[in-house]
PDB file of N, CA and C in Angstrom:
ATOM      1  N   MET A   1      25.025  26.964  27.171  1.00  0.00           N
ATOM      2  CA  MET A   1      24.850  27.071  25.732  1.00  0.00           C
ATOM      3  C   MET A   1      23.657  26.224  25.303  1.00  0.00           C
ATOM      4  N   ILE A   2      22.821  26.733  24.404  1.00  0.00           N
ATOM      5  CA  ILE A   2      21.630  26.037  23.916  1.00  0.00           C
ATOM      6  C   ILE A   2      21.999  25.227  22.678  1.00  0.00           C
ATOM      7  N   SER A   3      21.512  23.997  22.639  1.00  0.00           N
ATOM      8  CA  SER A   3      21.778  23.117  21.499  1.00  0.00           C
ATOM      9  C   SER A   3      21.059  23.646  20.262  1.00  0.00           C
ATOM     10  N   GLN A   4      21.712  23.567  19.129  1.00  0.00           N
ATOM     11  CA  GLN A   4      21.152  24.045  17.869  1.00  0.00           C
ATOM     12  C   GLN A   4      20.534  22.921  17.038  1.00  0.00           C
ATOM     13  N   THR A   5      20.299  21.759  17.651  1.00  0.00           N
ATOM     14  CA  THR A   5      19.720  20.652  16.897  1.00  0.00           C
ATOM     15  C   THR A   5      18.234  20.856  16.720  1.00  0.00           C
ATOM     16  N   ASP A   6      17.705  20.338  15.672  1.00  0.00           N
ATOM     17  CA  ASP A   6      16.277  20.456  15.363  1.00  0.00           C
ATOM     18  C   ASP A   6      15.496  19.506  16.271  1.00  0.00           C
ATOM     19  N   PRO A   7      14.586  20.002  17.101  1.00  0.00           N
ATOM     20  CA  PRO A   7      13.839  19.123  18.004  1.00  0.00           C
ATOM     21  C   PRO A   7      12.875  18.190  17.277  1.00  0.00           C
ATOM     22  N   LEU A   8      12.549  18.506  16.022  1.00  0.00           N
ATOM     23  CA  LEU A   8      11.631  17.653  15.263  1.00  0.00           C
ATOM     24  C   LEU A   8      12.354  16.632  14.395  1.00  0.00           C
ATOM     25  N   ALA A   9      13.665  16.707  14.358  1.00  0.00           N
ATOM     26  CA  ALA A   9      14.439  15.754  13.559  1.00  0.00           C
ATOM     27  C   ALA A   9      14.399  14.384  14.224  1.00  0.00           C
ATOM     28  N   PRO A  10      14.386  13.312  13.412  1.00  0.00           N
ATOM     29  CA  PRO A  10      14.387  11.974  13.999  1.00  0.00           C
ATOM     30  C   PRO A  10      15.656  11.729  14.807  1.00  0.00           C
ATOM     31  N   ALA A  11      15.526  10.933  15.840  1.00  0.00           N
ATOM     32  CA  ALA A  11      16.656  10.644  16.722  1.00  0.00           C
ATOM     33  C   ALA A  11      17.711   9.793  16.024  1.00  0.00           C
ATOM     34  N   SER A  12      17.291   8.965  15.095  1.00  0.00           N
ATOM     35  CA  SER A  12      18.228   8.119  14.362  1.00  0.00           C
ATOM     36  C   SER A  12      17.941   8.251  12.871  1.00  0.00           C
ATOM     37  N   PRO A  13      18.857   7.830  12.025  1.00  0.00           N
ATOM     38  CA  PRO A  13      18.613   7.917  10.583  1.00  0.00           C
ATOM     39  C   PRO A  13      17.379   7.105  10.192  1.00  0.00           C
ATOM     40  N   ALA A  14      16.695   7.579   9.186  1.00  0.00           N
ATOM     41  CA  ALA A  14      15.496   6.889   8.714  1.00  0.00           C
ATOM     42  C   ALA A  14      15.863   5.509   8.172  1.00  0.00           C
ATOM     43  N   ILE A  15      15.031   4.550   8.466  1.00  0.00           N
ATOM     44  CA  ILE A  15      15.217   3.186   7.983  1.00  0.00           C
ATOM     45  C   ILE A  15      14.266   2.993   6.809  1.00  0.00           C
ATOM     46  N   ASP A  16      14.789   2.478   5.719  1.00  0.00           N
ATOM     47  CA  ASP A  16      13.969   2.250   4.539  1.00  0.00           C
ATOM     48  C   ASP A  16      13.268   0.899   4.680  1.00  0.00           C
ATOM     49  N   ILE A  17      12.015   0.938   5.104  1.00  0.00           N
ATOM     50  CA  ILE A  17      11.232  -0.278   5.300  1.00  0.00           C
ATOM     51  C   ILE A  17      10.329  -0.464   4.092  1.00  0.00           C
ATOM     52  N   PRO A  18      10.376  -1.630   3.453  1.00  0.00           N
ATOM     53  CA  PRO A  18       9.538  -1.844   2.265  1.00  0.00           C
ATOM     54  C   PRO A  18       8.049  -1.855   2.628  1.00  0.00           C
ATOM     55  N   ARG A  19       7.240  -1.348   1.727  1.00  0.00           N
ATOM     56  CA  ARG A  19       5.799  -1.323   1.923  1.00  0.00           C
ATOM     57  C   ARG A  19       5.250  -2.737   1.797  1.00  0.00           C
ATOM     58  N   LEU A  20       4.330  -3.109   2.652  1.00  0.00           N
ATOM     59  CA  LEU A  20       3.696  -4.428   2.601  1.00  0.00           C
ATOM     60  C   LEU A  20       2.283  -4.350   2.063  1.00  0.00           C
ATOM     61  N   THR A  21       1.668  -3.182   2.174  1.00  0.00           N
ATOM     62  CA  THR A  21       0.301  -3.004   1.675  1.00  0.00           C
ATOM     63  C   THR A  21       0.174  -1.668   0.967  1.00  0.00           C
ATOM     64  N   TYR A  22      -0.852  -1.599   0.122  1.00  0.00           N
ATOM     65  CA  TYR A  22      -1.215  -0.361  -0.564  1.00  0.00           C
ATOM     66  C   TYR A  22      -2.655  -0.027  -0.225  1.00  0.00           C
ATOM     67  N   SER A  23      -2.966   1.250  -0.253  1.00  0.00           N
ATOM     68  CA  SER A  23      -4.358   1.681  -0.151  1.00  0.00           C
ATOM     69  C   SER A  23      -5.033   1.404  -1.501  1.00  0.00           C
ATOM     70  N   VAL A  24      -6.336   1.604  -1.554  1.00  0.00           N
ATOM     71  CA  VAL A  24      -7.055   1.421  -2.825  1.00  0.00           C
ATOM     72  C   VAL A  24      -6.493   2.380  -3.876  1.00  0.00           C
ATOM     73  N   GLU A  25      -6.283   3.619  -3.482  1.00  0.00           N
ATOM     74  CA  GLU A  25      -5.759   4.610  -4.434  1.00  0.00           C
ATOM     75  C   GLU A  25      -4.349   4.241  -4.909  1.00  0.00           C
ATOM     76  N   GLU A  26      -3.489   3.813  -3.995  1.00  0.00           N
ATOM     77  CA  GLU A  26      -2.136   3.417  -4.371  1.00  0.00           C
ATOM     78  C   GLU A  26      -2.147   2.181  -5.263  1.00  0.00           C
ATOM     79  N   SER A  27      -3.056   1.247  -4.978  1.00  0.00           N
ATOM     80  CA  SER A  27      -3.194   0.041  -5.808  1.00  0.00           C
ATOM     81  C   SER A  27      -3.613   0.423  -7.221  1.00  0.00           C
ATOM     82  N   ALA A  28      -4.561   1.352  -7.314  1.00  0.00           N
ATOM     83  CA  ALA A  28      -5.017   1.811  -8.629  1.00  0.00           C
ATOM     84  C   ALA A  28      -3.870   2.455  -9.402  1.00  0.00           C
ATOM     85  N   GLN A  29      -3.081   3.286  -8.727  1.00  0.00           N
ATOM     86  CA  GLN A  29      -1.941   3.921  -9.386  1.00  0.00           C
ATOM     87  C   GLN A  29      -0.914   2.882  -9.824  1.00  0.00           C
ATOM     88  N   ALA A  30      -0.650   1.903  -8.975  1.00  0.00           N
ATOM     89  CA  ALA A  30       0.344   0.869  -9.302  1.00  0.00           C
ATOM     90  C   ALA A  30      -0.074   0.055 -10.521  1.00  0.00           C
ATOM     91  N   LEU A  31      -1.382  -0.199 -10.649  1.00  0.00           N
ATOM     92  CA  LEU A  31      -1.883  -1.005 -11.759  1.00  0.00           C
ATOM     93  C   LEU A  31      -2.282  -0.171 -12.971  1.00  0.00           C
ATOM     94  N   GLY A  32      -2.347   1.148 -12.796  1.00  0.00           N
ATOM     95  CA  GLY A  32      -2.748   2.006 -13.912  1.00  0.00           C
ATOM     96  C   GLY A  32      -4.233   1.906 -14.219  1.00  0.00           C
ATOM     97  N   VAL A  33      -5.047   1.703 -13.189  1.00  0.00           N
ATOM     98  CA  VAL A  33      -6.500   1.606 -13.353  1.00  0.00           C
ATOM     99  C   VAL A  33      -7.171   2.601 -12.403  1.00  0.00           C
ATOM    100  N   SER A  34      -8.489   2.664 -12.469  1.00  0.00           N
ATOM    101  CA  SER A  34      -9.237   3.577 -11.604  1.00  0.00           C
ATOM    102  C   SER A  34      -9.537   2.926 -10.258  1.00  0.00           C
ATOM    103  N   LYS A  35      -9.897   3.756  -9.280  1.00  0.00           N
ATOM    104  CA  LYS A  35     -10.296   3.229  -7.971  1.00  0.00           C
ATOM    105  C   LYS A  35     -11.529   2.332  -8.087  1.00  0.00           C
ATOM    106  N   PRO A  36     -12.548   2.688  -8.907  1.00  0.00           N
ATOM    107  CA  PRO A  36     -13.683   1.765  -9.052  1.00  0.00           C
ATOM    108  C   PRO A  36     -13.276   0.377  -9.573  1.00  0.00           C
ATOM    109  N   THR A  37     -12.249   0.330 -10.425  1.00  0.00           N
ATOM    110  CA  THR A  37     -11.764  -0.971 -10.908  1.00  0.00           C
ATOM    111  C   THR A  37     -11.193  -1.784  -9.760  1.00  0.00           C
ATOM    112  N   ILE A  38     -10.460  -1.143  -8.859  1.00  0.00           N
ATOM    113  CA  ILE A  38      -9.919  -1.853  -7.692  1.00  0.00           C
ATOM    114  C   ILE A  38     -11.068  -2.371  -6.838  1.00  0.00           C
ATOM    115  N   TYR A  39     -12.093  -1.556  -6.624  1.00  0.00           N
ATOM    116  CA  TYR A  39     -13.252  -2.016  -5.838  1.00  0.00           C
ATOM    117  C   TYR A  39     -13.956  -3.187  -6.525  1.00  0.00           C
ATOM    118  N   ARG A  40     -14.006  -3.189  -7.863  1.00  0.00           N
ATOM    119  CA  ARG A  40     -14.586  -4.346  -8.583  1.00  0.00           C
ATOM    120  C   ARG A  40     -13.728  -5.594  -8.384  1.00  0.00           C
ATOM    121  N   LEU A  41     -12.409  -5.434  -8.439  1.00  0.00           N
ATOM    122  CA  LEU A  41     -11.520  -6.576  -8.212  1.00  0.00           C
ATOM    123  C   LEU A  41     -11.678  -7.112  -6.784  1.00  0.00           C
ATOM    124  N   LEU A  42     -11.900  -6.219  -5.824  1.00  0.00           N
ATOM    125  CA  LEU A  42     -12.152  -6.650  -4.451  1.00  0.00           C
ATOM    126  C   LEU A  42     -13.495  -7.375  -4.352  1.00  0.00           C
ATOM    127  N   ALA A  43     -14.525  -6.842  -4.999  1.00  0.00           N
ATOM    128  CA  ALA A  43     -15.854  -7.463  -4.955  1.00  0.00           C
ATOM    129  C   ALA A  43     -15.844  -8.851  -5.596  1.00  0.00           C
ATOM    130  N   ARG A  44     -15.058  -9.012  -6.647  1.00  0.00           N
ATOM    131  CA  ARG A  44     -14.950 -10.315  -7.329  1.00  0.00           C
ATOM    132  C   ARG A  44     -13.951 -11.244  -6.649  1.00  0.00           C
ATOM    133  N   ARG A  45     -13.338 -10.768  -5.577  1.00  0.00           N
ATOM    134  CA  ARG A  45     -12.362 -11.524  -4.799  1.00  0.00           C
ATOM    135  C   ARG A  45     -11.111 -11.881  -5.585  1.00  0.00           C
ATOM    136  N   ILE A  46     -10.829 -11.074  -6.599  1.00  0.00           N
ATOM    137  CA  ILE A  46      -9.573 -11.224  -7.323  1.00  0.00           C
ATOM    138  C   ILE A  46      -8.450 -10.641  -6.463  1.00  0.00           C
ATOM    139  N   LEU A  47      -8.768  -9.552  -5.780  1.00  0.00           N
ATOM    140  CA  LEU A  47      -7.886  -8.990  -4.758  1.00  0.00           C
ATOM    141  C   LEU A  47      -8.595  -9.140  -3.421  1.00  0.00           C
ATOM    142  N   ARG A  48      -7.835  -9.401  -2.373  1.00  0.00           N
ATOM    143  CA  ARG A  48      -8.411  -9.539  -1.029  1.00  0.00           C
ATOM    144  C   ARG A  48      -7.714  -8.580  -0.081  1.00  0.00           C
ATOM    145  N   PRO A  49      -8.494  -7.745   0.595  1.00  0.00           N
ATOM    146  CA  PRO A  49      -7.882  -6.789   1.518  1.00  0.00           C
ATOM    147  C   PRO A  49      -7.384  -7.477   2.786  1.00  0.00           C
ATOM    148  N   VAL A  50      -6.525  -6.794   3.498  1.00  0.00           N
ATOM    149  CA  VAL A  50      -6.061  -7.278   4.792  1.00  0.00           C
ATOM    150  C   VAL A  50      -7.261  -7.275   5.734  1.00  0.00           C
ATOM    151  N   PRO A  51      -7.548  -8.385   6.409  1.00  0.00           N
ATOM    152  CA  PRO A  51      -8.709  -8.422   7.292  1.00  0.00           C
ATOM    153  C   PRO A  51      -8.501  -7.620   8.573  1.00  0.00           C
ATOM    154  N   GLY A  52      -9.596  -7.089   9.073  1.00  0.00           N
ATOM    155  CA  GLY A  52      -9.575  -6.458  10.383  1.00  0.00           C
ATOM    156  C   GLY A  52      -9.022  -5.056  10.446  1.00  0.00           C
ATOM    157  N   VAL A  53      -8.903  -4.376   9.322  1.00  0.00           N
ATOM    158  CA  VAL A  53      -8.469  -2.985   9.345  1.00  0.00           C
ATOM    159  C   VAL A  53      -9.595  -2.104   8.839  1.00  0.00           C
ATOM    160  N   ARG A  54      -9.625  -0.877   9.314  1.00  0.00           N
ATOM    161  CA  ARG A  54     -10.735   0.023   8.987  1.00  0.00           C
ATOM    162  C   ARG A  54     -10.780   0.364   7.500  1.00  0.00           C
ATOM    163  N   HIS A  55      -9.637   0.749   6.948  1.00  0.00           N
ATOM    164  CA  HIS A  55      -9.573   1.102   5.535  1.00  0.00           C
ATOM    165  C   HIS A  55      -9.021  -0.087   4.763  1.00  0.00           C
ATOM    166  N   LYS A  56      -9.473  -0.247   3.558  1.00  0.00           N
ATOM    167  CA  LYS A  56      -9.009  -1.383   2.754  1.00  0.00           C
ATOM    168  C   LYS A  56      -7.524  -1.224   2.443  1.00  0.00           C
ATOM    169  N   ARG A  57      -6.755  -2.232   2.812  1.00  0.00           N
ATOM    170  CA  ARG A  57      -5.328  -2.289   2.525  1.00  0.00           C
ATOM    171  C   ARG A  57      -5.086  -3.571   1.740  1.00  0.00           C
ATOM    172  N   ILE A  58      -4.414  -3.455   0.614  1.00  0.00           N
ATOM    173  CA  ILE A  58      -4.199  -4.588  -0.275  1.00  0.00           C
ATOM    174  C   ILE A  58      -2.718  -4.959  -0.237  1.00  0.00           C
ATOM    175  N   PRO A  59      -2.419  -6.230   0.060  1.00  0.00           N
ATOM    176  CA  PRO A  59      -1.012  -6.653   0.107  1.00  0.00           C
ATOM    177  C   PRO A  59      -0.305  -6.425  -1.231  1.00  0.00           C
ATOM    178  N   VAL A  60       0.906  -5.928  -1.166  1.00  0.00           N
ATOM    179  CA  VAL A  60       1.702  -5.666  -2.367  1.00  0.00           C
ATOM    180  C   VAL A  60       1.890  -6.957  -3.161  1.00  0.00           C
ATOM    181  N   ARG A  61       2.038  -8.068  -2.473  1.00  0.00           N
ATOM    182  CA  ARG A  61       2.222  -9.359  -3.176  1.00  0.00           C
ATOM    183  C   ARG A  61       1.030  -9.700  -4.070  1.00  0.00           C
ATOM    184  N   GLN A  62      -0.184  -9.311  -3.655  1.00  0.00           N
ATOM    185  CA  GLN A  62      -1.347  -9.565  -4.498  1.00  0.00           C
ATOM    186  C   GLN A  62      -1.301  -8.714  -5.765  1.00  0.00           C
ATOM    187  N   ILE A  63      -0.872  -7.476  -5.621  1.00  0.00           N
ATOM    188  CA  ILE A  63      -0.736  -6.599  -6.787  1.00  0.00           C
ATOM    189  C   ILE A  63       0.311  -7.178  -7.734  1.00  0.00           C
ATOM    190  N   GLN A  64       1.445  -7.600  -7.190  1.00  0.00           N
ATOM    191  CA  GLN A  64       2.509  -8.181  -8.013  1.00  0.00           C
ATOM    192  C   GLN A  64       2.032  -9.452  -8.701  1.00  0.00           C
ATOM    193  N   SER A  65       1.303 -10.300  -7.981  1.00  0.00           N
ATOM    194  CA  SER A  65       0.787 -11.541  -8.555  1.00  0.00           C
ATOM    195  C   SER A  65      -0.207 -11.269  -9.678  1.00  0.00           C
ATOM    196  N   LEU A  66      -1.055 -10.271  -9.482  1.00  0.00           N
ATOM    197  CA  LEU A  66      -2.036  -9.920 -10.515  1.00  0.00           C
ATOM    198  C   LEU A  66      -1.329  -9.460 -11.786  1.00  0.00           C
ATOM    199  N   VAL A  67      -0.265  -8.692 -11.631  1.00  0.00           N
ATOM    200  CA  VAL A  67       0.490  -8.226 -12.799  1.00  0.00           C
ATOM    201  C   VAL A  67       1.187  -9.398 -13.490  1.00  0.00           C
ATOM    202  N   GLN A  68       1.785 -10.297 -12.716  1.00  0.00           N
ATOM    203  CA  GLN A  68       2.547 -11.400 -13.290  1.00  0.00           C
ATOM    204  C   GLN A  68       1.673 -12.506 -13.879  1.00  0.00           C
ATOM    205  N   HIS A  69       0.562 -12.845 -13.202  1.00  0.00           N
ATOM    206  CA  HIS A  69      -0.215 -14.026 -13.577  1.00  0.00           C
ATOM    207  C   HIS A  69      -1.618 -13.729 -14.057  1.00  0.00           C
ATOM    208  N   GLY A  70      -2.058 -12.504 -13.960  1.00  0.00           N
ATOM    209  CA  GLY A  70      -3.415 -12.158 -14.375  1.00  0.00           C
ATOM    210  C   GLY A  70      -4.415 -12.511 -13.291  1.00  0.00           C
ATOM    211  N   PRO A  71      -5.698 -12.309 -13.570  1.00  0.00           N
ATOM    212  CA  PRO A  71      -6.740 -12.481 -12.565  1.00  0.00           C
ATOM    213  C   PRO A  71      -7.238 -13.918 -12.399  1.00  0.00           C
ATOM    214  N   ASN A  72      -6.356 -14.872 -12.328  1.00  0.00           N
ATOM    215  CA  ASN A  72      -6.758 -16.288 -12.219  1.00  0.00           C
ATOM    216  C   ASN A  72      -7.513 -16.556 -10.963  1.00  0.00           C
TER     217      ASN A  72
END
């Protein structure tokens, strides 16, 4: 008898892992600003990307801090 299970289904239930970083586009959506604004915040070092990765990834904690405390 042939198994009727989906070969593409995950072997175990999905684990809900919290996001640690956002892309530039996701950061812009989270803050309600444009992507160029995020790039300006990066250029002014108000936001700092994760070092050593090809695409800019911004830690979620930095986004949260910017919302809570402003661009100090």
